[in-house]
């Protein structure tokens, strides 16, 4: 039965899609040019993987499926908007998670650059560089390594969980006063993402 909320649903879809676009724009600002022969190092590899995932999300088509059912009744429109909201929310969730991983990789790059200070790596850098490498890889055991910058990187990587991402997005939406009554749960988002692969 139609409930008179289709305008609110349509507005919510637009808000989520705009947020997706904004995250993608911020994401594109995260670039690093690895020195010759260092492209396969962990932080650069993670950043490259994040860029590939973000591009894949941008290129993925919306699978309209049953959203293109015949009829234009308010109830049909309600179901279409709900399905589109789930898809848009799942895309925003995924790109936010990828963005957070890319930010952590950039902190790895910055930590590495801080150690090298524009010089080529040599044996004297080996221990410090290994700690940076371990910090990015050891996401389950955060610890302070080489001061505050790398500690933030480790903490960020360890904290990039589905719960954190969804909670941050919801908090931002709630603070902005958006209509959240029909936003999909984390379980719904995870199910939707699995069904699309």
C-alpha atoms as a PDB file:
ATOM      1  CA  UNK A   1       0.000   0.000   0.000  1.00  0.00           C
ATOM      2  CA  UNK A   2       1.272   3.460  -0.910  1.00  0.00           C
ATOM      3  CA  UNK A   3       2.404   5.443   2.102  1.00  0.00           C
ATOM      4  CA  UNK A   4       3.093   8.904   0.636  1.00  0.00           C
ATOM      5  CA  UNK A   5       6.854   8.670   1.221  1.00  0.00           C
ATOM      6  CA  UNK A   6       8.019   8.201  -2.371  1.00  0.00           C
ATOM      7  CA  UNK A   7       9.286  11.791  -2.578  1.00  0.00           C
ATOM      8  CA  UNK A   8      11.364  11.196   0.578  1.00  0.00           C
ATOM      9  CA  UNK A   9      12.657   7.929  -0.903  1.00  0.00           C
ATOM     10  CA  UNK A  10      13.612   9.617  -4.166  1.00  0.00           C
ATOM     11  CA  UNK A  11      15.406  12.371  -2.227  1.00  0.00           C
ATOM     12  CA  UNK A  12      17.259   9.753  -0.180  1.00  0.00           C
ATOM     13  CA  UNK A  13      18.398   7.963  -3.332  1.00  0.00           C
ATOM     14  CA  UNK A  14      19.722  11.288  -4.672  1.00  0.00           C
ATOM     15  CA  UNK A  15      21.548  11.987  -1.382  1.00  0.00           C
ATOM     16  CA  UNK A  16      23.238   8.577  -1.351  1.00  0.00           C
ATOM     17  CA  UNK A  17      24.220   8.842  -5.017  1.00  0.00           C
ATOM     18  CA  UNK A  18      25.643  12.328  -4.442  1.00  0.00           C
ATOM     19  CA  UNK A  19      27.631  11.044  -1.475  1.00  0.00           C
ATOM     20  CA  UNK A  20      28.990   8.205  -3.641  1.00  0.00           C
ATOM     21  CA  UNK A  21      30.105  10.794  -6.209  1.00  0.00           C
ATOM     22  CA  UNK A  22      31.745  12.925  -3.507  1.00  0.00           C
ATOM     23  CA  UNK A  23      33.660   9.950  -2.086  1.00  0.00           C
ATOM     24  CA  UNK A  24      34.820   8.999  -5.589  1.00  0.00           C
ATOM     25  CA  UNK A  25      36.008  12.576  -6.161  1.00  0.00           C
ATOM     26  CA  UNK A  26      37.972  12.607  -2.866  1.00  0.00           C
ATOM     27  CA  UNK A  27      39.338   9.176  -3.719  1.00  0.00           C
ATOM     28  CA  UNK A  28      40.732  10.388  -7.037  1.00  0.00           C
ATOM     29  CA  UNK A  29      42.880  12.890  -5.120  1.00  0.00           C
ATOM     30  CA  UNK A  30      44.822  10.007  -3.529  1.00  0.00           C
ATOM     31  CA  UNK A  31      47.743   9.438  -5.858  1.00  0.00           C
ATOM     32  CA  UNK A  32      51.286   8.269  -5.300  1.00  0.00           C
ATOM     33  CA  UNK A  33      54.067   7.884  -7.820  1.00  0.00           C
ATOM     34  CA  UNK A  34      56.240   5.015  -6.669  1.00  0.00           C
ATOM     35  CA  UNK A  35      59.929   5.305  -7.404  1.00  0.00           C
ATOM     36  CA  UNK A  36      61.306   3.071 -10.157  1.00  0.00           C
ATOM     37  CA  UNK A  37      61.416  -0.565  -9.051  1.00  0.00           C
ATOM     38  CA  UNK A  38      59.203  -0.029  -5.980  1.00  0.00           C
ATOM     39  CA  UNK A  39      55.758  -0.387  -7.583  1.00  0.00           C
ATOM     40  CA  UNK A  40      55.174  -3.812  -6.017  1.00  0.00           C
ATOM     41  CA  UNK A  41      55.777  -2.704  -2.429  1.00  0.00           C
ATOM     42  CA  UNK A  42      52.799  -3.276  -0.147  1.00  0.00           C
ATOM     43  CA  UNK A  43      51.500   0.281   0.238  1.00  0.00           C
ATOM     44  CA  UNK A  44      51.716   1.027  -3.473  1.00  0.00           C
ATOM     45  CA  UNK A  45      50.100  -2.323  -4.288  1.00  0.00           C
ATOM     46  CA  UNK A  46      47.235  -1.659  -1.847  1.00  0.00           C
ATOM     47  CA  UNK A  47      46.723   1.808  -3.340  1.00  0.00           C
ATOM     48  CA  UNK A  48      46.722   0.397  -6.879  1.00  0.00           C
ATOM     49  CA  UNK A  49      44.217  -2.292  -5.837  1.00  0.00           C
ATOM     50  CA  UNK A  50      41.994   0.357  -4.260  1.00  0.00           C
ATOM     51  CA  UNK A  51      42.023   2.410  -7.465  1.00  0.00           C
ATOM     52  CA  UNK A  52      41.087  -0.678  -9.492  1.00  0.00           C
ATOM     53  CA  UNK A  53      38.206  -1.472  -7.103  1.00  0.00           C
ATOM     54  CA  UNK A  54      36.955   2.114  -7.253  1.00  0.00           C
ATOM     55  CA  UNK A  55      37.068   2.067 -11.068  1.00  0.00           C
ATOM     56  CA  UNK A  56      35.191  -1.226 -11.073  1.00  0.00           C
ATOM     57  CA  UNK A  57      32.478   0.272  -8.881  1.00  0.00           C
ATOM     58  CA  UNK A  58      32.158   3.234 -11.219  1.00  0.00           C
ATOM     59  CA  UNK A  59      31.944   0.992 -14.269  1.00  0.00           C
ATOM     60  CA  UNK A  60      29.381  -1.430 -12.819  1.00  0.00           C
ATOM     61  CA  UNK A  61      25.923  -1.072 -14.294  1.00  0.00           C
ATOM     62  CA  UNK A  62      22.799  -0.961 -12.212  1.00  0.00           C
ATOM     63  CA  UNK A  63      20.964  -4.262 -12.576  1.00  0.00           C
ATOM     64  CA  UNK A  64      17.403  -3.006 -12.868  1.00  0.00           C
ATOM     65  CA  UNK A  65      15.890  -6.502 -12.786  1.00  0.00           C
ATOM     66  CA  UNK A  66      12.443  -6.281 -11.255  1.00  0.00           C
ATOM     67  CA  UNK A  67      12.817  -2.525 -10.768  1.00  0.00           C
ATOM     68  CA  UNK A  68      11.677  -2.152 -14.378  1.00  0.00           C
ATOM     69  CA  UNK A  69       8.371  -3.880 -13.795  1.00  0.00           C
ATOM     70  CA  UNK A  70       5.373  -2.602 -15.655  1.00  0.00           C
ATOM     71  CA  UNK A  71       3.090  -0.091 -14.076  1.00  0.00           C
ATOM     72  CA  UNK A  72       3.468   3.236 -12.424  1.00  0.00           C
ATOM     73  CA  UNK A  73       1.410   2.870  -9.309  1.00  0.00           C
ATOM     74  CA  UNK A  74       2.726   4.458  -6.120  1.00  0.00           C
ATOM     75  CA  UNK A  75       3.330   0.965  -4.701  1.00  0.00           C
ATOM     76  CA  UNK A  76       5.399  -0.054  -7.752  1.00  0.00           C
ATOM     77  CA  UNK A  77       7.381   3.164  -7.481  1.00  0.00           C
ATOM     78  CA  UNK A  78       7.943   2.488  -3.771  1.00  0.00           C
ATOM     79  CA  UNK A  79       9.435  -0.964  -4.509  1.00  0.00           C
ATOM     80  CA  UNK A  80      11.613   0.461  -7.289  1.00  0.00           C
ATOM     81  CA  UNK A  81      12.941   3.239  -5.071  1.00  0.00           C
ATOM     82  CA  UNK A  82      13.657   0.808  -2.235  1.00  0.00           C
ATOM     83  CA  UNK A  83      15.629  -1.454  -4.568  1.00  0.00           C
ATOM     84  CA  UNK A  84      17.546   1.482  -6.022  1.00  0.00           C
ATOM     85  CA  UNK A  85      18.312   2.714  -2.497  1.00  0.00           C
ATOM     86  CA  UNK A  86      19.789  -0.665  -1.567  1.00  0.00           C
ATOM     87  CA  UNK A  87      21.960  -0.673  -4.693  1.00  0.00           C
ATOM     88  CA  UNK A  88      23.105   2.927  -4.213  1.00  0.00           C
ATOM     89  CA  UNK A  89      23.779   2.365  -0.506  1.00  0.00           C
ATOM     90  CA  UNK A  90      25.813  -0.772  -1.235  1.00  0.00           C
ATOM     91  CA  UNK A  91      27.924   1.101  -3.789  1.00  0.00           C
ATOM     92  CA  UNK A  92      28.491   4.000  -1.387  1.00  0.00           C
ATOM     93  CA  UNK A  93      29.389   1.554   1.405  1.00  0.00           C
ATOM     94  CA  UNK A  94      31.893  -0.261  -0.805  1.00  0.00           C
ATOM     95  CA  UNK A  95      33.557   2.897  -2.120  1.00  0.00           C
ATOM     96  CA  UNK A  96      33.836   4.322   1.399  1.00  0.00           C
ATOM     97  CA  UNK A  97      35.562   1.150   2.589  1.00  0.00           C
ATOM     98  CA  UNK A  98      37.944   1.251  -0.388  1.00  0.00           C
ATOM     99  CA  UNK A  99      38.591   4.950   0.248  1.00  0.00           C
ATOM    100  CA  UNK A 100      39.524   4.292   3.885  1.00  0.00           C
ATOM    101  CA  UNK A 101      41.962   1.562   2.808  1.00  0.00           C
ATOM    102  CA  UNK A 102      43.504   3.947   0.267  1.00  0.00           C
ATOM    103  CA  UNK A 103      43.935   6.618   2.953  1.00  0.00           C
ATOM    104  CA  UNK A 104      45.762   4.060   5.110  1.00  0.00           C
ATOM    105  CA  UNK A 105      47.991   3.148   2.145  1.00  0.00           C
ATOM    106  CA  UNK A 106      48.770   6.841   1.619  1.00  0.00           C
ATOM    107  CA  UNK A 107      49.838   7.070   5.246  1.00  0.00           C
ATOM    108  CA  UNK A 108      52.186   4.141   4.521  1.00  0.00           C
ATOM    109  CA  UNK A 109      53.589   6.111   1.562  1.00  0.00           C
ATOM    110  CA  UNK A 110      54.022   9.184   3.751  1.00  0.00           C
ATOM    111  CA  UNK A 111      55.728   7.132   6.485  1.00  0.00           C
ATOM    112  CA  UNK A 112      58.060   5.575   3.940  1.00  0.00           C
ATOM    113  CA  UNK A 113      58.862   8.974   2.456  1.00  0.00           C
ATOM    114  CA  UNK A 114      59.538  10.335   5.940  1.00  0.00           C
ATOM    115  CA  UNK A 115      62.094   7.580   6.511  1.00  0.00           C
ATOM    116  CA  UNK A 116      63.789   7.888   3.115  1.00  0.00           C
ATOM    117  CA  UNK A 117      63.633  11.706   2.899  1.00  0.00           C
ATOM    118  CA  UNK A 118      64.101  11.610  -0.875  1.00  0.00           C
ATOM    119  CA  UNK A 119      67.012   9.137  -0.820  1.00  0.00           C
ATOM    120  CA  UNK A 120      67.186   5.659  -2.281  1.00  0.00           C
ATOM    121  CA  UNK A 121      66.623   2.895   0.275  1.00  0.00           C
ATOM    122  CA  UNK A 122      69.799   1.317   1.608  1.00  0.00           C
ATOM    123  CA  UNK A 123      70.801  -1.113   4.346  1.00  0.00           C
ATOM    124  CA  UNK A 124      70.574   1.624   6.984  1.00  0.00           C
ATOM    125  CA  UNK A 125      66.868   2.039   6.210  1.00  0.00           C
ATOM    126  CA  UNK A 126      66.077  -1.674   6.225  1.00  0.00           C
ATOM    127  CA  UNK A 127      64.808  -2.039   9.794  1.00  0.00           C
ATOM    128  CA  UNK A 128      62.669   1.103   9.713  1.00  0.00           C
ATOM    129  CA  UNK A 129      61.232   0.235   6.294  1.00  0.00           C
ATOM    130  CA  UNK A 130      60.445  -3.295   7.455  1.00  0.00           C
ATOM    131  CA  UNK A 131      58.521  -1.857  10.408  1.00  0.00           C
ATOM    132  CA  UNK A 132      56.514   0.306   7.988  1.00  0.00           C
ATOM    133  CA  UNK A 133      55.826  -2.737   5.824  1.00  0.00           C
ATOM    134  CA  UNK A 134      54.784  -4.793   8.846  1.00  0.00           C
ATOM    135  CA  UNK A 135      52.566  -1.992  10.113  1.00  0.00           C
ATOM    136  CA  UNK A 136      50.486  -1.989   6.951  1.00  0.00           C
ATOM    137  CA  UNK A 137      50.298  -5.772   6.738  1.00  0.00           C
ATOM    138  CA  UNK A 138      49.635  -6.470  10.434  1.00  0.00           C
ATOM    139  CA  UNK A 139      46.177  -4.959  10.598  1.00  0.00           C
ATOM    140  CA  UNK A 140      45.099  -7.190  13.459  1.00  0.00           C
ATOM    141  CA  UNK A 141      47.875  -6.139  15.846  1.00  0.00           C
ATOM    142  CA  UNK A 142      48.029  -2.336  16.072  1.00  0.00           C
ATOM    143  CA  UNK A 143      51.110  -0.950  17.768  1.00  0.00           C
ATOM    144  CA  UNK A 144      53.121   2.243  17.781  1.00  0.00           C
ATOM    145  CA  UNK A 145      55.797   2.142  15.118  1.00  0.00           C
ATOM    146  CA  UNK A 146      57.997   5.101  14.235  1.00  0.00           C
ATOM    147  CA  UNK A 147      55.789   7.541  16.064  1.00  0.00           C
ATOM    148  CA  UNK A 148      52.367   9.007  15.467  1.00  0.00           C
ATOM    149  CA  UNK A 149      52.076   8.912  11.651  1.00  0.00           C
ATOM    150  CA  UNK A 150      52.514   5.156  11.292  1.00  0.00           C
ATOM    151  CA  UNK A 151      50.479   4.463  14.418  1.00  0.00           C
ATOM    152  CA  UNK A 152      47.543   6.225  12.765  1.00  0.00           C
ATOM    153  CA  UNK A 153      48.038   4.069   9.661  1.00  0.00           C
ATOM    154  CA  UNK A 154      47.951   0.839  11.647  1.00  0.00           C
ATOM    155  CA  UNK A 155      44.963   1.949  13.694  1.00  0.00           C
ATOM    156  CA  UNK A 156      43.078   2.945  10.552  1.00  0.00           C
ATOM    157  CA  UNK A 157      43.724  -0.361   8.823  1.00  0.00           C
ATOM    158  CA  UNK A 158      42.743  -2.354  11.881  1.00  0.00           C
ATOM    159  CA  UNK A 159      39.560  -0.350  12.247  1.00  0.00           C
ATOM    160  CA  UNK A 160      38.304  -0.592   8.663  1.00  0.00           C
ATOM    161  CA  UNK A 161      35.486  -2.986   9.382  1.00  0.00           C
ATOM    162  CA  UNK A 162      32.058  -3.207   7.812  1.00  0.00           C
ATOM    163  CA  UNK A 163      30.499  -2.056  11.084  1.00  0.00           C
ATOM    164  CA  UNK A 164      32.735   1.002  11.270  1.00  0.00           C
ATOM    165  CA  UNK A 165      32.069   2.016   7.679  1.00  0.00           C
ATOM    166  CA  UNK A 166      28.293   1.682   7.982  1.00  0.00           C
ATOM    167  CA  UNK A 167      28.242   3.471  11.337  1.00  0.00           C
ATOM    168  CA  UNK A 168      30.319   6.393  10.027  1.00  0.00           C
ATOM    169  CA  UNK A 169      28.044   6.773   7.016  1.00  0.00           C
ATOM    170  CA  UNK A 170      24.908   6.603   9.168  1.00  0.00           C
ATOM    171  CA  UNK A 171      26.268   9.126  11.658  1.00  0.00           C
ATOM    172  CA  UNK A 172      27.076  11.542   8.836  1.00  0.00           C
ATOM    173  CA  UNK A 173      23.624  11.055   7.338  1.00  0.00           C
ATOM    174  CA  UNK A 174      21.905  11.460  10.711  1.00  0.00           C
ATOM    175  CA  UNK A 175      23.889  14.653  11.416  1.00  0.00           C
ATOM    176  CA  UNK A 176      22.763  16.026   8.047  1.00  0.00           C
ATOM    177  CA  UNK A 177      19.130  15.308   8.939  1.00  0.00           C
ATOM    178  CA  UNK A 178      18.531  12.810   6.130  1.00  0.00           C
ATOM    179  CA  UNK A 179      15.545  10.451   6.018  1.00  0.00           C
ATOM    180  CA  UNK A 180      17.035   7.162   7.239  1.00  0.00           C
ATOM    181  CA  UNK A 181      13.976   5.083   8.091  1.00  0.00           C
ATOM    182  CA  UNK A 182      14.418   2.816   5.066  1.00  0.00           C
ATOM    183  CA  UNK A 183      18.200   2.755   4.774  1.00  0.00           C
ATOM    184  CA  UNK A 184      19.353  -0.853   4.425  1.00  0.00           C
ATOM    185  CA  UNK A 185      20.957  -2.601   7.387  1.00  0.00           C
ATOM    186  CA  UNK A 186      24.535  -3.840   7.247  1.00  0.00           C
ATOM    187  CA  UNK A 187      23.233  -7.389   6.803  1.00  0.00           C
ATOM    188  CA  UNK A 188      21.120  -6.271   3.833  1.00  0.00           C
ATOM    189  CA  UNK A 189      24.082  -4.462   2.290  1.00  0.00           C
ATOM    190  CA  UNK A 190      26.329  -7.496   2.690  1.00  0.00           C
ATOM    191  CA  UNK A 191      23.684  -9.796   1.191  1.00  0.00           C
ATOM    192  CA  UNK A 192      23.172  -7.419  -1.740  1.00  0.00           C
ATOM    193  CA  UNK A 193      26.902  -7.205  -2.406  1.00  0.00           C
ATOM    194  CA  UNK A 194      27.257 -11.005  -2.320  1.00  0.00           C
ATOM    195  CA  UNK A 195      24.311 -11.388  -4.716  1.00  0.00           C
ATOM    196  CA  UNK A 196      25.917  -9.042  -7.230  1.00  0.00           C
ATOM    197  CA  UNK A 197      29.087 -11.115  -7.547  1.00  0.00           C
END
